[in-house]
Amino acid sequence: MRIAKVIKAQCAETNNYFGIRIEQKLPELWESTWAFPLKETMQVTETYQNKVEGKIIKSSTYPGCPHCHQNGLFSCSCNKISCIDFDKSTHRCPWCGSMLNRSQLGPAGNLKIDAGFY
């Protein structure tokens, strides 16, 4: 049986929210398969998955952020996800405002996401 969840992310360029559909491949390995914009009204009424732990890899069909079209995902120390442009020398987490330089940047790796924060 396939296990799929939707996690809430925020665009680092526009600050708009989007959902990322992830599918479990192994106990702690998830694959991002789709991304879609979240409407302002749905953010209040929708419930997103509570806990996701493990690593996220991108499928070949993952379209990237629906707002800025960046294909990278970043997991901040605040346990939230944003899109990221790895060509830039710095990244500001749109959730908590933390500024990170290139040496601190890395893709969404081992995650402990609590969607209850969203």
Protein backbone atom coordinates (compact mmCIF):
# COMPACT_ATOMS: atom_id res chain seq x y z
CA MET A 1 0.00 0.00 0.00
CA ARG A 2 1.31 3.45 -0.92
CA ILE A 3 1.60 6.06 1.78
CA ALA A 4 1.39 9.64 0.56
CA LYS A 5 1.26 12.87 2.55
CA VAL A 6 1.13 16.58 1.83
CA ILE A 7 3.49 18.92 3.64
CA LYS A 8 3.15 22.67 3.68
CA ALA A 9 6.05 24.74 2.35
CA GLN A 10 6.68 28.43 1.78
CA CYS A 11 8.23 30.12 -1.26
CA ALA A 12 11.42 31.97 -0.32
CA GLU A 13 10.92 34.46 -3.16
CA THR A 14 7.23 35.38 -2.81
CA ASN A 15 6.39 34.15 0.73
CA ASN A 16 3.37 32.34 -0.74
CA TYR A 17 2.50 28.90 0.59
CA PHE A 18 2.41 25.68 -1.38
CA GLY A 19 1.80 22.01 -0.76
CA ILE A 20 4.26 19.27 -1.60
CA ARG A 21 2.95 15.77 -2.12
CA ILE A 22 5.43 13.19 -0.87
CA GLU A 23 5.25 9.43 -1.21
CA GLN A 24 6.98 6.98 1.10
CA LYS A 25 9.52 4.75 -0.66
CA LEU A 26 11.18 3.23 2.44
CA PRO A 27 10.52 3.71 6.18
CA GLU A 28 12.55 6.96 6.29
CA LEU A 29 12.75 7.83 2.59
CA TRP A 30 10.17 10.06 0.93
CA GLU A 31 9.94 11.21 -2.69
CA SER A 32 8.42 14.55 -3.67
CA THR A 33 6.07 13.96 -6.58
CA TRP A 34 4.02 17.13 -6.96
CA ALA A 35 3.73 20.72 -5.76
CA PHE A 36 0.74 23.03 -5.91
CA PRO A 37 -0.16 26.53 -4.68
CA LEU A 38 -2.27 26.76 -1.55
CA LYS A 39 -5.18 29.17 -1.56
CA GLU A 40 -5.33 31.54 1.39
CA THR A 41 -8.79 30.27 2.40
CA MET A 42 -7.73 26.61 2.31
CA GLN A 43 -4.78 27.20 4.62
CA VAL A 44 -7.14 27.81 7.53
CA THR A 45 -9.48 24.89 6.88
CA GLU A 46 -7.10 22.19 5.62
CA THR A 47 -5.13 19.92 7.92
CA TYR A 48 -1.71 18.81 6.77
CA GLN A 49 0.09 15.66 7.85
CA ASN A 50 1.30 15.71 11.40
CA LYS A 51 4.76 14.13 11.45
CA VAL A 52 7.20 13.20 8.70
CA GLU A 53 10.67 11.88 9.46
CA GLY A 54 13.37 10.89 7.02
CA LYS A 55 14.95 12.11 3.82
CA ILE A 56 13.13 13.68 0.87
CA ILE A 57 14.35 13.02 -2.66
CA LYS A 58 12.86 14.61 -5.78
CA SER A 59 11.17 12.51 -8.44
CA SER A 60 12.00 13.23 -12.05
CA THR A 61 8.49 14.66 -12.43
CA TYR A 62 8.63 17.04 -9.44
CA PRO A 63 7.72 20.45 -10.95
CA GLY A 64 9.35 22.65 -8.30
CA CYS A 65 7.82 25.57 -6.47
CA PRO A 66 4.60 26.69 -8.17
CA HIS A 67 5.42 30.34 -7.38
CA CYS A 68 9.09 30.86 -8.34
CA HIS A 69 9.75 27.54 -10.12
CA GLN A 70 12.89 26.71 -8.10
CA ASN A 71 13.44 22.98 -7.92
CA GLY A 72 15.40 22.90 -4.65
CA LEU A 73 13.91 22.18 -1.22
CA PHE A 74 15.42 23.39 2.03
CA SER A 75 14.76 22.28 5.59
CA CYS A 76 15.55 25.00 8.13
CA SER A 77 16.45 24.42 11.77
CA CYS A 78 12.93 25.70 12.54
CA ASN A 79 11.73 22.35 11.06
CA LYS A 80 9.92 23.93 8.15
CA ILE A 81 10.38 23.60 4.39
CA SER A 82 10.94 26.24 1.73
CA CYS A 83 12.04 26.31 -1.87
CA ILE A 84 15.62 27.41 -2.46
CA ASP A 85 17.79 28.76 -5.26
CA PHE A 86 21.14 27.02 -4.75
CA ASP A 87 22.79 29.47 -7.18
CA LYS A 88 22.43 32.31 -4.66
CA SER A 89 25.06 32.89 -1.99
CA THR A 90 22.53 33.34 0.82
CA HIS A 91 19.08 32.07 1.72
CA ARG A 92 16.51 33.59 4.06
CA CYS A 93 14.07 31.15 5.61
CA PRO A 94 10.62 32.62 4.90
CA TRP A 95 9.24 30.98 8.06
CA CYS A 96 11.63 32.23 10.76
CA GLY A 97 13.77 34.80 8.91
CA SER A 98 17.11 33.05 9.54
CA MET A 99 19.79 34.09 7.04
CA LEU A 100 22.17 31.37 5.90
CA ASN A 101 25.28 31.71 3.75
CA ARG A 102 26.35 29.28 1.03
CA SER A 103 28.48 27.15 3.39
CA GLN A 104 25.41 26.52 5.58
CA LEU A 105 23.08 25.63 2.71
CA GLY A 106 22.14 22.10 1.83
CA PRO A 107 19.16 20.29 0.36
CA ALA A 108 16.31 18.97 2.45
CA GLY A 109 18.00 16.00 4.03
CA ASN A 110 17.09 14.23 7.23
CA LEU A 111 13.82 15.81 8.28
CA LYS A 112 11.75 15.84 11.40
CA ILE A 113 8.82 17.89 10.24
CA ASP A 114 5.94 18.58 12.56
CA ALA A 115 3.19 19.82 10.29
CA GLY A 116 1.28 20.86 13.37
CA PHE A 117 3.45 23.98 13.34
CA TYR A 118 2.01 24.98 9.99
